[in-house]
Amino acid sequence: MHIPALADVIGTEVLLARPIGDISLGGCKFEGPAWEETGQALTLVLTVPGGAGEPLPIAASVVRASDSDMAVRFTNPSEEQKALLLRFLDESDEATG
């Protein structure tokens, strides 16, 4: 699902407020050239601009790194993180109207 959300991405580089191309319970995708290698472990901090919810920190790993996008899979999210991610997705969906 495409949502108006951002992620601070912490890996070999740190990128702040990177737009998310799409997201699901399993992971997310960033449009544009990848800046990390496949297999790289990351920490993401997800936020919805103007959202009421707290930022959601979650571990991830890069599963695809290409010239057109970078896809990551969330790594062993806890039940609490899954619940927060569902709420995050609901909030993001509401932000799109």
N, C-alpha and C. Protein backbone atom coordinates (compact mmCIF):
# COMPACT_ATOMS: atom_id res chain seq x y z
N MET A 1 0.84 -1.17 0.00
CA MET A 1 0.00 0.00 0.00
C MET A 1 0.89 1.24 0.00
N HIS A 2 0.61 2.18 -0.89
CA HIS A 2 1.36 3.44 -0.91
C HIS A 2 0.76 4.36 0.14
N ILE A 3 1.62 4.93 0.98
CA ILE A 3 1.16 5.80 2.05
C ILE A 3 2.07 7.01 2.16
N PRO A 4 1.55 8.10 2.71
CA PRO A 4 2.40 9.29 2.90
C PRO A 4 3.18 9.18 4.21
N ALA A 5 4.13 8.27 4.25
CA ALA A 5 4.89 8.03 5.47
C ALA A 5 6.37 8.21 5.19
N LEU A 6 7.12 8.40 6.27
CA LEU A 6 8.55 8.61 6.18
C LEU A 6 9.27 7.63 7.08
N ALA A 7 10.54 7.39 6.78
CA ALA A 7 11.35 6.52 7.63
C ALA A 7 12.73 7.13 7.79
N ASP A 8 13.19 7.17 9.04
CA ASP A 8 14.60 7.41 9.29
C ASP A 8 15.25 6.04 9.13
N VAL A 9 16.28 5.94 8.30
CA VAL A 9 16.91 4.67 7.98
C VAL A 9 18.34 4.68 8.51
N ILE A 10 18.64 3.74 9.39
CA ILE A 10 19.95 3.67 10.01
C ILE A 10 20.61 2.35 9.59
N GLY A 11 21.66 2.45 8.79
CA GLY A 11 22.41 1.29 8.31
C GLY A 11 23.86 1.69 8.23
N THR A 12 24.53 1.42 7.09
CA THR A 12 25.88 1.92 6.92
C THR A 12 25.86 3.43 6.73
N GLU A 13 24.71 3.94 6.28
CA GLU A 13 24.46 5.37 6.19
C GLU A 13 23.22 5.69 7.02
N VAL A 14 23.03 6.95 7.35
CA VAL A 14 21.83 7.38 8.05
C VAL A 14 21.11 8.37 7.15
N LEU A 15 19.87 8.03 6.80
CA LEU A 15 19.04 8.92 5.99
C LEU A 15 17.82 9.27 6.82
N LEU A 16 17.52 10.55 6.92
CA LEU A 16 16.39 11.01 7.72
C LEU A 16 15.22 11.37 6.81
N ALA A 17 14.02 11.04 7.27
CA ALA A 17 12.77 11.41 6.59
C ALA A 17 12.73 10.93 5.14
N ARG A 18 13.15 9.71 4.92
CA ARG A 18 13.12 9.12 3.57
C ARG A 18 11.69 8.68 3.25
N PRO A 19 11.07 9.14 2.14
CA PRO A 19 9.71 8.73 1.80
C PRO A 19 9.62 7.23 1.52
N ILE A 20 8.55 6.62 2.02
CA ILE A 20 8.30 5.19 1.80
C ILE A 20 7.44 5.05 0.55
N GLY A 21 7.88 4.19 -0.38
CA GLY A 21 7.12 3.96 -1.60
C GLY A 21 5.87 3.14 -1.34
N ASP A 22 6.01 2.05 -0.63
CA ASP A 22 4.86 1.27 -0.18
C ASP A 22 5.26 0.45 1.03
N ILE A 23 4.24 -0.05 1.75
CA ILE A 23 4.50 -0.74 3.00
C ILE A 23 3.43 -1.79 3.25
N SER A 24 3.82 -2.84 3.95
CA SER A 24 2.90 -3.89 4.38
C SER A 24 3.37 -4.38 5.75
N LEU A 25 2.71 -5.38 6.28
CA LEU A 25 3.14 -5.94 7.57
C LEU A 25 4.51 -6.61 7.46
N GLY A 26 4.91 -7.00 6.24
CA GLY A 26 6.17 -7.72 6.07
C GLY A 26 7.38 -6.85 5.79
N GLY A 27 7.16 -5.65 5.28
CA GLY A 27 8.29 -4.80 4.93
C GLY A 27 7.85 -3.57 4.17
N CYS A 28 8.82 -2.88 3.57
CA CYS A 28 8.50 -1.68 2.80
C CYS A 28 9.50 -1.50 1.67
N LYS A 29 9.19 -0.54 0.81
CA LYS A 29 10.03 -0.27 -0.35
C LYS A 29 10.29 1.23 -0.45
N PHE A 30 11.50 1.55 -0.83
CA PHE A 30 11.89 2.93 -1.07
C PHE A 30 12.16 3.08 -2.56
N GLU A 31 11.57 4.10 -3.19
CA GLU A 31 11.77 4.37 -4.61
C GLU A 31 13.14 5.01 -4.83
N GLY A 32 13.69 4.82 -6.01
CA GLY A 32 14.97 5.42 -6.36
C GLY A 32 16.11 4.46 -6.11
N PRO A 33 17.31 4.84 -6.50
CA PRO A 33 18.47 3.95 -6.37
C PRO A 33 18.73 3.53 -4.92
N ALA A 34 19.06 2.26 -4.75
CA ALA A 34 19.38 1.74 -3.42
C ALA A 34 20.68 2.36 -2.92
N TRP A 35 20.75 2.58 -1.63
CA TRP A 35 21.97 3.11 -1.03
C TRP A 35 22.61 2.10 -0.08
N GLU A 36 21.97 0.96 0.12
CA GLU A 36 22.53 -0.12 0.94
C GLU A 36 22.59 -1.40 0.09
N GLU A 37 23.40 -2.34 0.50
CA GLU A 37 23.56 -3.61 -0.20
C GLU A 37 22.52 -4.63 0.29
N THR A 38 22.17 -5.58 -0.57
CA THR A 38 21.30 -6.68 -0.18
C THR A 38 21.91 -7.41 1.02
N GLY A 39 21.07 -7.69 2.02
CA GLY A 39 21.53 -8.37 3.22
C GLY A 39 21.89 -7.44 4.37
N GLN A 40 22.03 -6.14 4.08
CA GLN A 40 22.40 -5.16 5.12
C GLN A 40 21.30 -5.07 6.18
N ALA A 41 21.68 -5.16 7.44
CA ALA A 41 20.74 -4.96 8.55
C ALA A 41 20.51 -3.46 8.74
N LEU A 42 19.26 -3.09 9.02
CA LEU A 42 18.88 -1.70 9.19
C LEU A 42 18.01 -1.55 10.44
N THR A 43 17.93 -0.35 10.92
CA THR A 43 16.90 0.05 11.88
C THR A 43 16.11 1.15 11.21
N LEU A 44 14.79 1.00 11.17
CA LEU A 44 13.91 2.02 10.61
C LEU A 44 13.12 2.65 11.74
N VAL A 45 12.86 3.93 11.62
CA VAL A 45 11.94 4.61 12.52
C VAL A 45 10.87 5.23 11.62
N LEU A 46 9.67 4.61 11.65
CA LEU A 46 8.58 5.00 10.76
C LEU A 46 7.73 6.09 11.39
N THR A 47 7.34 7.08 10.58
CA THR A 47 6.45 8.15 11.05
C THR A 47 5.48 8.53 9.94
N VAL A 48 4.32 9.03 10.36
CA VAL A 48 3.34 9.57 9.43
C VAL A 48 3.31 11.08 9.66
N PRO A 49 3.64 11.89 8.64
CA PRO A 49 3.62 13.34 8.83
C PRO A 49 2.25 13.80 9.32
N GLY A 50 2.24 14.57 10.39
CA GLY A 50 0.99 15.06 10.95
C GLY A 50 0.20 14.02 11.71
N GLY A 51 0.75 12.80 11.82
CA GLY A 51 0.05 11.73 12.51
C GLY A 51 0.11 11.90 14.02
N ALA A 52 -0.89 11.33 14.69
CA ALA A 52 -0.95 11.43 16.14
C ALA A 52 -0.13 10.35 16.83
N GLY A 53 0.19 9.27 16.09
CA GLY A 53 0.89 8.14 16.68
C GLY A 53 2.36 8.41 16.93
N GLU A 54 2.94 7.60 17.78
CA GLU A 54 4.37 7.68 18.08
C GLU A 54 5.17 7.08 16.93
N PRO A 55 6.41 7.52 16.74
CA PRO A 55 7.28 6.87 15.75
C PRO A 55 7.45 5.39 16.09
N LEU A 56 7.56 4.56 15.08
CA LEU A 56 7.67 3.11 15.25
C LEU A 56 9.06 2.65 14.84
N PRO A 57 9.93 2.31 15.81
CA PRO A 57 11.23 1.74 15.46
C PRO A 57 11.07 0.24 15.17
N ILE A 58 11.75 -0.23 14.12
CA ILE A 58 11.65 -1.64 13.75
C ILE A 58 12.91 -2.07 13.00
N ALA A 59 13.39 -3.27 13.30
CA ALA A 59 14.57 -3.81 12.61
C ALA A 59 14.15 -4.35 11.24
N ALA A 60 15.07 -4.27 10.30
CA ALA A 60 14.78 -4.74 8.93
C ALA A 60 16.08 -5.18 8.28
N SER A 61 15.95 -5.85 7.13
CA SER A 61 17.12 -6.17 6.32
C SER A 61 16.77 -5.95 4.86
N VAL A 62 17.76 -5.56 4.09
CA VAL A 62 17.56 -5.27 2.67
C VAL A 62 17.43 -6.58 1.91
N VAL A 63 16.33 -6.73 1.17
CA VAL A 63 16.12 -7.95 0.38
C VAL A 63 16.27 -7.68 -1.12
N ARG A 64 16.20 -6.42 -1.53
CA ARG A 64 16.44 -6.07 -2.94
C ARG A 64 17.06 -4.69 -2.99
N ALA A 65 18.15 -4.58 -3.72
CA ALA A 65 18.84 -3.31 -3.90
C ALA A 65 19.11 -3.14 -5.39
N SER A 66 18.42 -2.20 -6.02
CA SER A 66 18.58 -2.01 -7.46
C SER A 66 18.71 -0.53 -7.78
N ASP A 67 18.82 -0.23 -9.07
CA ASP A 67 18.90 1.16 -9.51
C ASP A 67 17.56 1.87 -9.41
N SER A 68 16.46 1.09 -9.28
CA SER A 68 15.14 1.71 -9.26
C SER A 68 14.47 1.71 -7.88
N ASP A 69 14.90 0.81 -6.98
CA ASP A 69 14.29 0.79 -5.65
C ASP A 69 15.12 -0.03 -4.67
N MET A 70 14.71 0.04 -3.42
CA MET A 70 15.32 -0.76 -2.36
C MET A 70 14.18 -1.30 -1.50
N ALA A 71 14.10 -2.63 -1.39
CA ALA A 71 13.05 -3.26 -0.61
C ALA A 71 13.66 -3.87 0.65
N VAL A 72 12.93 -3.71 1.76
CA VAL A 72 13.39 -4.25 3.03
C VAL A 72 12.30 -5.12 3.65
N ARG A 73 12.75 -6.12 4.39
CA ARG A 73 11.84 -7.00 5.14
C ARG A 73 12.04 -6.72 6.62
N PHE A 74 10.92 -6.57 7.33
CA PHE A 74 11.01 -6.38 8.78
C PHE A 74 11.53 -7.66 9.40
N THR A 75 12.44 -7.54 10.35
CA THR A 75 13.13 -8.68 10.94
C THR A 75 12.54 -9.02 12.30
N ASN A 76 11.87 -10.17 12.37
CA ASN A 76 11.33 -10.69 13.63
C ASN A 76 10.63 -9.63 14.48
N PRO A 77 9.61 -8.96 13.94
CA PRO A 77 8.91 -7.98 14.77
C PRO A 77 8.20 -8.65 15.94
N SER A 78 8.22 -7.98 17.08
CA SER A 78 7.52 -8.50 18.26
C SER A 78 6.02 -8.34 18.04
N GLU A 79 5.24 -8.98 18.90
CA GLU A 79 3.79 -8.83 18.81
C GLU A 79 3.39 -7.37 19.01
N GLU A 80 4.08 -6.69 19.91
CA GLU A 80 3.80 -5.27 20.14
C GLU A 80 4.11 -4.44 18.89
N GLN A 81 5.25 -4.74 18.24
CA GLN A 81 5.59 -4.02 17.01
C GLN A 81 4.58 -4.30 15.90
N LYS A 82 4.11 -5.56 15.81
CA LYS A 82 3.09 -5.89 14.80
C LYS A 82 1.81 -5.11 15.06
N ALA A 83 1.40 -5.01 16.32
CA ALA A 83 0.20 -4.25 16.67
C ALA A 83 0.39 -2.77 16.34
N LEU A 84 1.57 -2.23 16.66
CA LEU A 84 1.87 -0.83 16.34
C LEU A 84 1.92 -0.62 14.83
N LEU A 85 2.45 -1.61 14.10
CA LEU A 85 2.51 -1.50 12.65
C LEU A 85 1.10 -1.48 12.05
N LEU A 86 0.21 -2.32 12.56
CA LEU A 86 -1.18 -2.29 12.10
C LEU A 86 -1.81 -0.93 12.35
N ARG A 87 -1.57 -0.38 13.53
CA ARG A 87 -2.10 0.95 13.85
C ARG A 87 -1.46 2.00 12.94
N PHE A 88 -0.16 1.85 12.68
CA PHE A 88 0.56 2.75 11.78
C PHE A 88 -0.06 2.71 10.38
N LEU A 89 -0.35 1.49 9.89
CA LEU A 89 -0.96 1.34 8.56
C LEU A 89 -2.35 1.97 8.53
N ASP A 90 -3.13 1.78 9.60
CA ASP A 90 -4.46 2.37 9.68
C ASP A 90 -4.37 3.90 9.68
N GLU A 91 -3.45 4.44 10.47
CA GLU A 91 -3.27 5.89 10.54
C GLU A 91 -2.83 6.44 9.20
N SER A 92 -1.93 5.71 8.53
CA SER A 92 -1.44 6.14 7.22
C SER A 92 -2.56 6.13 6.20
N ASP A 93 -3.42 5.11 6.27
CA ASP A 93 -4.54 5.01 5.35
C ASP A 93 -5.50 6.18 5.56
N GLU A 94 -5.73 6.55 6.82
CA GLU A 94 -6.60 7.69 7.12
C GLU A 94 -5.98 8.99 6.58
N ALA A 95 -4.66 9.10 6.61
CA ALA A 95 -3.99 10.31 6.14
C ALA A 95 -4.15 10.49 4.62
N THR A 96 -4.35 9.37 3.90
CA THR A 96 -4.54 9.47 2.46
C THR A 96 -5.97 9.83 2.10
N GLY A 97 -6.87 9.77 3.09
CA GLY A 97 -8.25 10.20 2.89
C GLY A 97 -9.08 9.09 2.44
